[in-house]
Amino acid sequence: MSPNVFAIALNHQSQMDHWHDAFLEPPYKELPKKAVWFIKPRNTHNVNNGEIVLDPAEQYYSGGTFAIVIGKKASRIKAEDACEYIEGFALANEISLAEESFYRPAIKAKCQDNSCPVGSVAKVCVASIDIETWINGEKVDCYNTSGFIRNAGQILEALTDFATLEVGDMVLMGTPQKRVAIKSGDKVEIKAQGFETLVTFAK
């Protein structure tokens, strides 16, 4: 059975900067104080060199990130103890439609079949590492994880406060505001030093 995959939204400073003024308007009227979550359910799971079939009526976006892979059952853990529960990290591509609301992410936007490719696990520090997106052999985007607001330990502390994570479960660490549009026929590669390149074919 496929693992649970949780994901944190608004975890890159570029997103908070972009949405800052909108959050101060109704209905929110304030910046989010706690982590904002969504899930990538089992139908979204995909593997390296897998395919995703795109609806030609929709615009999809690639979101290269890291998945925290759980190696030990985790409940109500502290950030400083998180390393005891992490098996490693894997490259992931959180493919979705454009977000219109971060407090209530649309199911259709986040839950497309095969929209969460995940690569192999590596024991690499991801605190400050470049994540590159390549489309059809051309590098089209690069960002550094130092822009993440919460690190892996802080993410796991917040999530396990209410959700128990089992061995093999994953938590996506977020993406920046700028995302890369993809279309049918594209070969999408997510790259980071120390990790096997994650490849997805859009059909």
C-alpha atoms as a PDB file:
ATOM      1  CA  MET A   1       0.000   0.000   0.000  1.00  0.00           C
ATOM      2  CA  SER A   2       1.234   3.493  -0.842  1.00  0.00           C
ATOM      3  CA  PRO A   3       2.340   5.697   2.064  1.00  0.00           C
ATOM      4  CA  ASN A   4       0.568   8.794   3.278  1.00  0.00           C
ATOM      5  CA  VAL A   5       1.951  11.977   1.744  1.00  0.00           C
ATOM      6  CA  PHE A   6       1.338  15.230   3.599  1.00  0.00           C
ATOM      7  CA  ALA A   7       2.472  18.610   2.285  1.00  0.00           C
ATOM      8  CA  ILE A   8       3.013  22.013   3.821  1.00  0.00           C
ATOM      9  CA  ALA A   9       1.881  25.152   1.998  1.00  0.00           C
ATOM     10  CA  LEU A  10       3.349  28.648   2.308  1.00  0.00           C
ATOM     11  CA  ASN A  11       6.688  27.310   3.506  1.00  0.00           C
ATOM     12  CA  HIS A  12       8.843  29.424   1.212  1.00  0.00           C
ATOM     13  CA  GLN A  13       9.454  33.096   1.952  1.00  0.00           C
ATOM     14  CA  SER A  14       8.646  34.080  -1.637  1.00  0.00           C
ATOM     15  CA  GLN A  15       5.097  32.808  -1.133  1.00  0.00           C
ATOM     16  CA  MET A  16       4.591  34.769   2.067  1.00  0.00           C
ATOM     17  CA  ASP A  17       5.925  37.901   0.381  1.00  0.00           C
ATOM     18  CA  HIS A  18       3.597  37.446  -2.593  1.00  0.00           C
ATOM     19  CA  TRP A  19       0.435  36.768  -0.561  1.00  0.00           C
ATOM     20  CA  HIS A  20       1.179  39.170   2.319  1.00  0.00           C
ATOM     21  CA  ASP A  21      -1.276  41.935   1.392  1.00  0.00           C
ATOM     22  CA  ALA A  22      -4.007  39.488   0.348  1.00  0.00           C
ATOM     23  CA  PHE A  23      -3.895  37.782   3.736  1.00  0.00           C
ATOM     24  CA  LEU A  24      -4.534  41.112   5.457  1.00  0.00           C
ATOM     25  CA  GLU A  25      -7.790  41.547   3.557  1.00  0.00           C
ATOM     26  CA  PRO A  26     -11.140  39.798   4.305  1.00  0.00           C
ATOM     27  CA  PRO A  27     -11.837  37.015   5.013  1.00  0.00           C
ATOM     28  CA  TYR A  28      -8.416  36.333   6.605  1.00  0.00           C
ATOM     29  CA  LYS A  29      -7.374  39.795   7.911  1.00  0.00           C
ATOM     30  CA  GLU A  30      -4.118  38.405   9.296  1.00  0.00           C
ATOM     31  CA  LEU A  31      -1.125  36.351   8.308  1.00  0.00           C
ATOM     32  CA  PRO A  32      -1.325  32.609   8.995  1.00  0.00           C
ATOM     33  CA  LYS A  33       0.078  31.797  12.432  1.00  0.00           C
ATOM     34  CA  LYS A  34       0.240  28.025  12.052  1.00  0.00           C
ATOM     35  CA  ALA A  35       1.361  25.692   9.309  1.00  0.00           C
ATOM     36  CA  VAL A  36      -1.116  25.208   6.456  1.00  0.00           C
ATOM     37  CA  TRP A  37      -1.447  21.607   5.269  1.00  0.00           C
ATOM     38  CA  PHE A  38      -2.795  19.624   2.353  1.00  0.00           C
ATOM     39  CA  ILE A  39      -2.422  16.015   1.232  1.00  0.00           C
ATOM     40  CA  LYS A  40      -1.419  14.206  -1.917  1.00  0.00           C
ATOM     41  CA  PRO A  41      -3.605  11.063  -1.663  1.00  0.00           C
ATOM     42  CA  ARG A  42      -2.690   7.616  -2.945  1.00  0.00           C
ATOM     43  CA  ASN A  43      -4.032   8.205  -6.468  1.00  0.00           C
ATOM     44  CA  THR A  44      -1.391  10.937  -6.926  1.00  0.00           C
ATOM     45  CA  HIS A  45       1.577   8.659  -6.253  1.00  0.00           C
ATOM     46  CA  ASN A  46       4.033   8.301  -9.110  1.00  0.00           C
ATOM     47  CA  VAL A  47       7.557   6.970  -9.557  1.00  0.00           C
ATOM     48  CA  ASN A  48      10.741   8.039 -11.293  1.00  0.00           C
ATOM     49  CA  ASN A  49      10.337   7.963 -15.089  1.00  0.00           C
ATOM     50  CA  GLY A  50       6.566   7.768 -14.637  1.00  0.00           C
ATOM     51  CA  GLU A  51       3.892   9.456 -16.721  1.00  0.00           C
ATOM     52  CA  ILE A  52       1.133  11.946 -15.938  1.00  0.00           C
ATOM     53  CA  VAL A  53      -1.774  12.535 -18.317  1.00  0.00           C
ATOM     54  CA  LEU A  54      -2.692  16.234 -18.461  1.00  0.00           C
ATOM     55  CA  ASP A  55      -6.142  17.617 -19.155  1.00  0.00           C
ATOM     56  CA  PRO A  56      -5.643  19.918 -22.185  1.00  0.00           C
ATOM     57  CA  ALA A  57      -8.235  22.332 -20.757  1.00  0.00           C
ATOM     58  CA  GLU A  58      -6.128  22.971 -17.640  1.00  0.00           C
ATOM     59  CA  GLN A  59      -2.723  24.565 -16.949  1.00  0.00           C
ATOM     60  CA  TYR A  60      -0.436  22.461 -14.778  1.00  0.00           C
ATOM     61  CA  TYR A  61       2.634  23.561 -12.850  1.00  0.00           C
ATOM     62  CA  SER A  62       5.699  21.638 -11.761  1.00  0.00           C
ATOM     63  CA  GLY A  63       6.797  22.069  -8.143  1.00  0.00           C
ATOM     64  CA  GLY A  64      10.167  20.551  -7.364  1.00  0.00           C
ATOM     65  CA  THR A  65      10.752  19.980  -3.660  1.00  0.00           C
ATOM     66  CA  PHE A  66      12.010  17.480  -1.101  1.00  0.00           C
ATOM     67  CA  ALA A  67       9.992  14.804   0.621  1.00  0.00           C
ATOM     68  CA  ILE A  68      10.896  14.006   4.216  1.00  0.00           C
ATOM     69  CA  VAL A  69      10.758  10.213   4.418  1.00  0.00           C
ATOM     70  CA  ILE A  70       9.773   8.801   7.810  1.00  0.00           C
ATOM     71  CA  GLY A  71      11.854   5.916   9.160  1.00  0.00           C
ATOM     72  CA  LYS A  72      10.262   5.507  12.597  1.00  0.00           C
ATOM     73  CA  LYS A  73       6.706   5.945  13.897  1.00  0.00           C
ATOM     74  CA  ALA A  74       6.409   9.592  14.957  1.00  0.00           C
ATOM     75  CA  SER A  75       3.859  11.230  17.239  1.00  0.00           C
ATOM     76  CA  ARG A  76       4.178  14.561  19.068  1.00  0.00           C
ATOM     77  CA  ILE A  77       7.914  14.801  18.510  1.00  0.00           C
ATOM     78  CA  LYS A  78      10.101  17.847  19.105  1.00  0.00           C
ATOM     79  CA  ALA A  79      11.989  19.539  16.289  1.00  0.00           C
ATOM     80  CA  GLU A  80      15.340  18.849  17.920  1.00  0.00           C
ATOM     81  CA  ASP A  81      14.594  15.113  17.976  1.00  0.00           C
ATOM     82  CA  ALA A  82      13.326  14.872  14.391  1.00  0.00           C
ATOM     83  CA  CYS A  83      16.525  13.346  12.988  1.00  0.00           C
ATOM     84  CA  GLU A  84      15.752  10.164  14.954  1.00  0.00           C
ATOM     85  CA  TYR A  85      12.584   9.730  12.883  1.00  0.00           C
ATOM     86  CA  ILE A  86      13.834  10.669   9.408  1.00  0.00           C
ATOM     87  CA  GLU A  87      14.966   7.885   7.093  1.00  0.00           C
ATOM     88  CA  GLY A  88      16.209  10.395   4.551  1.00  0.00           C
ATOM     89  CA  PHE A  89      15.011  12.783   1.860  1.00  0.00           C
ATOM     90  CA  ALA A  90      13.776  12.254  -1.685  1.00  0.00           C
ATOM     91  CA  LEU A  91      13.199  14.589  -4.600  1.00  0.00           C
ATOM     92  CA  ALA A  92       9.510  15.095  -5.336  1.00  0.00           C
ATOM     93  CA  ASN A  93       7.477  16.988  -7.905  1.00  0.00           C
ATOM     94  CA  GLU A  94       4.266  18.442  -6.478  1.00  0.00           C
ATOM     95  CA  ILE A  95       2.398  18.904  -9.763  1.00  0.00           C
ATOM     96  CA  SER A  96      -0.770  20.952  -9.424  1.00  0.00           C
ATOM     97  CA  LEU A  97      -3.056  23.562 -10.887  1.00  0.00           C
ATOM     98  CA  ALA A  98      -2.624  27.174  -9.767  1.00  0.00           C
ATOM     99  CA  GLU A  99      -3.557  27.862  -6.130  1.00  0.00           C
ATOM    100  CA  GLU A 100      -6.399  30.307  -5.522  1.00  0.00           C
ATOM    101  CA  SER A 101      -6.648  29.748  -1.774  1.00  0.00           C
ATOM    102  CA  PHE A 102      -3.983  28.371   0.538  1.00  0.00           C
ATOM    103  CA  TYR A 103      -6.366  27.874   3.441  1.00  0.00           C
ATOM    104  CA  ARG A 104      -8.629  25.568   1.446  1.00  0.00           C
ATOM    105  CA  PRO A 105      -6.589  24.056  -1.390  1.00  0.00           C
ATOM    106  CA  ALA A 106      -8.922  22.705  -4.062  1.00  0.00           C
ATOM    107  CA  ILE A 107      -9.019  18.928  -4.368  1.00  0.00           C
ATOM    108  CA  LYS A 108      -8.877  19.146  -8.160  1.00  0.00           C
ATOM    109  CA  ALA A 109      -5.810  21.399  -7.993  1.00  0.00           C
ATOM    110  CA  LYS A 110      -3.836  19.041  -5.775  1.00  0.00           C
ATOM    111  CA  CYS A 111      -5.187  15.540  -6.415  1.00  0.00           C
ATOM    112  CA  GLN A 112      -4.661  14.843 -10.120  1.00  0.00           C
ATOM    113  CA  ASP A 113      -3.795  11.195 -10.811  1.00  0.00           C
ATOM    114  CA  ASN A 114      -0.023  10.564 -10.775  1.00  0.00           C
ATOM    115  CA  SER A 115       0.719  14.181  -9.763  1.00  0.00           C
ATOM    116  CA  CYS A 116       3.209  13.368  -7.022  1.00  0.00           C
ATOM    117  CA  PRO A 117       6.320  11.686  -8.470  1.00  0.00           C
ATOM    118  CA  VAL A 118       8.876  10.818  -5.788  1.00  0.00           C
ATOM    119  CA  GLY A 119      12.439   9.648  -6.349  1.00  0.00           C
ATOM    120  CA  SER A 120      14.860   7.515  -4.382  1.00  0.00           C
ATOM    121  CA  VAL A 121      15.796   8.228  -0.780  1.00  0.00           C
ATOM    122  CA  ALA A 122      19.179   9.736   0.064  1.00  0.00           C
ATOM    123  CA  LYS A 123      20.780  10.731   3.352  1.00  0.00           C
ATOM    124  CA  VAL A 124      21.767  14.255   2.314  1.00  0.00           C
ATOM    125  CA  CYS A 125      21.446  17.496   4.266  1.00  0.00           C
ATOM    126  CA  VAL A 126      18.852  19.652   2.518  1.00  0.00           C
ATOM    127  CA  ALA A 127      19.124  22.788   4.681  1.00  0.00           C
ATOM    128  CA  SER A 128      20.728  24.815   1.863  1.00  0.00           C
ATOM    129  CA  ILE A 129      20.675  23.091  -1.495  1.00  0.00           C
ATOM    130  CA  ASP A 130      19.622  24.109  -5.007  1.00  0.00           C
ATOM    131  CA  ILE A 131      16.616  22.425  -6.597  1.00  0.00           C
ATOM    132  CA  GLU A 132      16.606  22.723 -10.388  1.00  0.00           C
ATOM    133  CA  THR A 133      13.777  22.155 -12.848  1.00  0.00           C
ATOM    134  CA  TRP A 134      14.621  21.146 -16.403  1.00  0.00           C
ATOM    135  CA  ILE A 135      12.073  20.972 -19.227  1.00  0.00           C
ATOM    136  CA  ASN A 136      13.027  19.057 -22.375  1.00  0.00           C
ATOM    137  CA  GLY A 137      16.711  19.315 -21.520  1.00  0.00           C
ATOM    138  CA  GLU A 138      16.709  23.032 -20.670  1.00  0.00           C
ATOM    139  CA  LYS A 139      17.112  24.413 -17.138  1.00  0.00           C
ATOM    140  CA  VAL A 140      14.128  26.691 -16.534  1.00  0.00           C
ATOM    141  CA  ASP A 141      14.173  27.238 -12.774  1.00  0.00           C
ATOM    142  CA  CYS A 142      16.416  27.004  -9.716  1.00  0.00           C
ATOM    143  CA  TYR A 143      15.830  27.904  -6.072  1.00  0.00           C
ATOM    144  CA  ASN A 144      17.594  27.247  -2.791  1.00  0.00           C
ATOM    145  CA  THR A 145      15.970  25.543   0.190  1.00  0.00           C
ATOM    146  CA  SER A 146      17.444  28.165   2.524  1.00  0.00           C
ATOM    147  CA  GLY A 147      14.273  30.093   1.655  1.00  0.00           C
ATOM    148  CA  PHE A 148      12.111  27.569   3.510  1.00  0.00           C
ATOM    149  CA  ILE A 149      10.437  29.116   6.551  1.00  0.00           C
ATOM    150  CA  ARG A 150      10.256  25.865   8.539  1.00  0.00           C
ATOM    151  CA  ASN A 151      13.012  23.268   8.384  1.00  0.00           C
ATOM    152  CA  ALA A 152      12.405  19.521   8.430  1.00  0.00           C
ATOM    153  CA  GLY A 153      12.387  19.306  12.220  1.00  0.00           C
ATOM    154  CA  GLN A 154       9.947  22.180  12.626  1.00  0.00           C
ATOM    155  CA  ILE A 155       7.680  20.719   9.945  1.00  0.00           C
ATOM    156  CA  LEU A 156       7.561  17.349  11.675  1.00  0.00           C
ATOM    157  CA  GLU A 157       6.967  18.888  15.101  1.00  0.00           C
ATOM    158  CA  ALA A 158       3.972  20.828  13.766  1.00  0.00           C
ATOM    159  CA  LEU A 159       2.488  17.889  11.842  1.00  0.00           C
ATOM    160  CA  THR A 160       2.964  15.175  14.461  1.00  0.00           C
ATOM    161  CA  ASP A 161       1.242  17.361  17.031  1.00  0.00           C
ATOM    162  CA  PHE A 162      -2.025  16.057  15.557  1.00  0.00           C
ATOM    163  CA  ALA A 163      -1.120  13.315  13.048  1.00  0.00           C
ATOM    164  CA  THR A 164       0.904  10.177  13.743  1.00  0.00           C
ATOM    165  CA  LEU A 165       3.335   9.359  10.950  1.00  0.00           C
ATOM    166  CA  GLU A 166       4.146   5.754  10.128  1.00  0.00           C
ATOM    167  CA  VAL A 167       7.289   4.275   8.590  1.00  0.00           C
ATOM    168  CA  GLY A 168       7.396   5.183   4.899  1.00  0.00           C
ATOM    169  CA  ASP A 169       5.097   8.193   5.164  1.00  0.00           C
ATOM    170  CA  MET A 170       6.350  11.348   3.476  1.00  0.00           C
ATOM    171  CA  VAL A 171       6.021  15.090   4.028  1.00  0.00           C
ATOM    172  CA  LEU A 172       6.629  17.519   1.154  1.00  0.00           C
ATOM    173  CA  MET A 173       8.576  20.578   2.302  1.00  0.00           C
ATOM    174  CA  GLY A 174       6.986  23.166   0.012  1.00  0.00           C
ATOM    175  CA  THR A 175       7.715  25.133  -3.143  1.00  0.00           C
ATOM    176  CA  PRO A 176       8.437  28.794  -3.948  1.00  0.00           C
ATOM    177  CA  GLN A 177       5.836  31.161  -5.378  1.00  0.00           C
ATOM    178  CA  LYS A 178       7.257  30.888  -8.886  1.00  0.00           C
ATOM    179  CA  ARG A 179       6.296  27.590 -10.486  1.00  0.00           C
ATOM    180  CA  VAL A 180       7.073  26.151 -13.912  1.00  0.00           C
ATOM    181  CA  ALA A 181       4.223  25.620 -16.375  1.00  0.00           C
ATOM    182  CA  ILE A 182       4.236  22.231 -18.076  1.00  0.00           C
ATOM    183  CA  LYS A 183       2.326  20.859 -21.051  1.00  0.00           C
ATOM    184  CA  SER A 184       1.681  17.602 -22.830  1.00  0.00           C
ATOM    185  CA  GLY A 185       4.856  16.226 -24.411  1.00  0.00           C
ATOM    186  CA  ASP A 186       7.224  17.719 -21.827  1.00  0.00           C
ATOM    187  CA  LYS A 187       9.976  15.758 -20.141  1.00  0.00           C
ATOM    188  CA  VAL A 188      10.249  17.240 -16.655  1.00  0.00           C
ATOM    189  CA  GLU A 189      13.423  16.702 -14.621  1.00  0.00           C
ATOM    190  CA  ILE A 190      13.955  17.729 -11.000  1.00  0.00           C
ATOM    191  CA  LYS A 191      17.613  17.806  -9.959  1.00  0.00           C
ATOM    192  CA  ALA A 192      19.607  18.405  -6.767  1.00  0.00           C
ATOM    193  CA  GLN A 193      23.177  17.569  -5.854  1.00  0.00           C
ATOM    194  CA  GLY A 194      23.462  14.177  -4.189  1.00  0.00           C
ATOM    195  CA  PHE A 195      20.121  12.920  -5.526  1.00  0.00           C
ATOM    196  CA  GLU A 196      19.111  10.787  -8.493  1.00  0.00           C
ATOM    197  CA  THR A 197      17.364  12.975 -11.080  1.00  0.00           C
ATOM    198  CA  LEU A 198      13.574  12.677 -10.863  1.00  0.00           C
ATOM    199  CA  VAL A 199      11.998  12.378 -14.319  1.00  0.00           C
ATOM    200  CA  THR A 200       8.333  12.685 -15.251  1.00  0.00           C
ATOM    201  CA  PHE A 201       6.792  12.514 -18.719  1.00  0.00           C
ATOM    202  CA  ALA A 202       3.723  14.666 -19.329  1.00  0.00           C
ATOM    203  CA  LYS A 203       1.250  13.127 -21.770  1.00  0.00           C
END
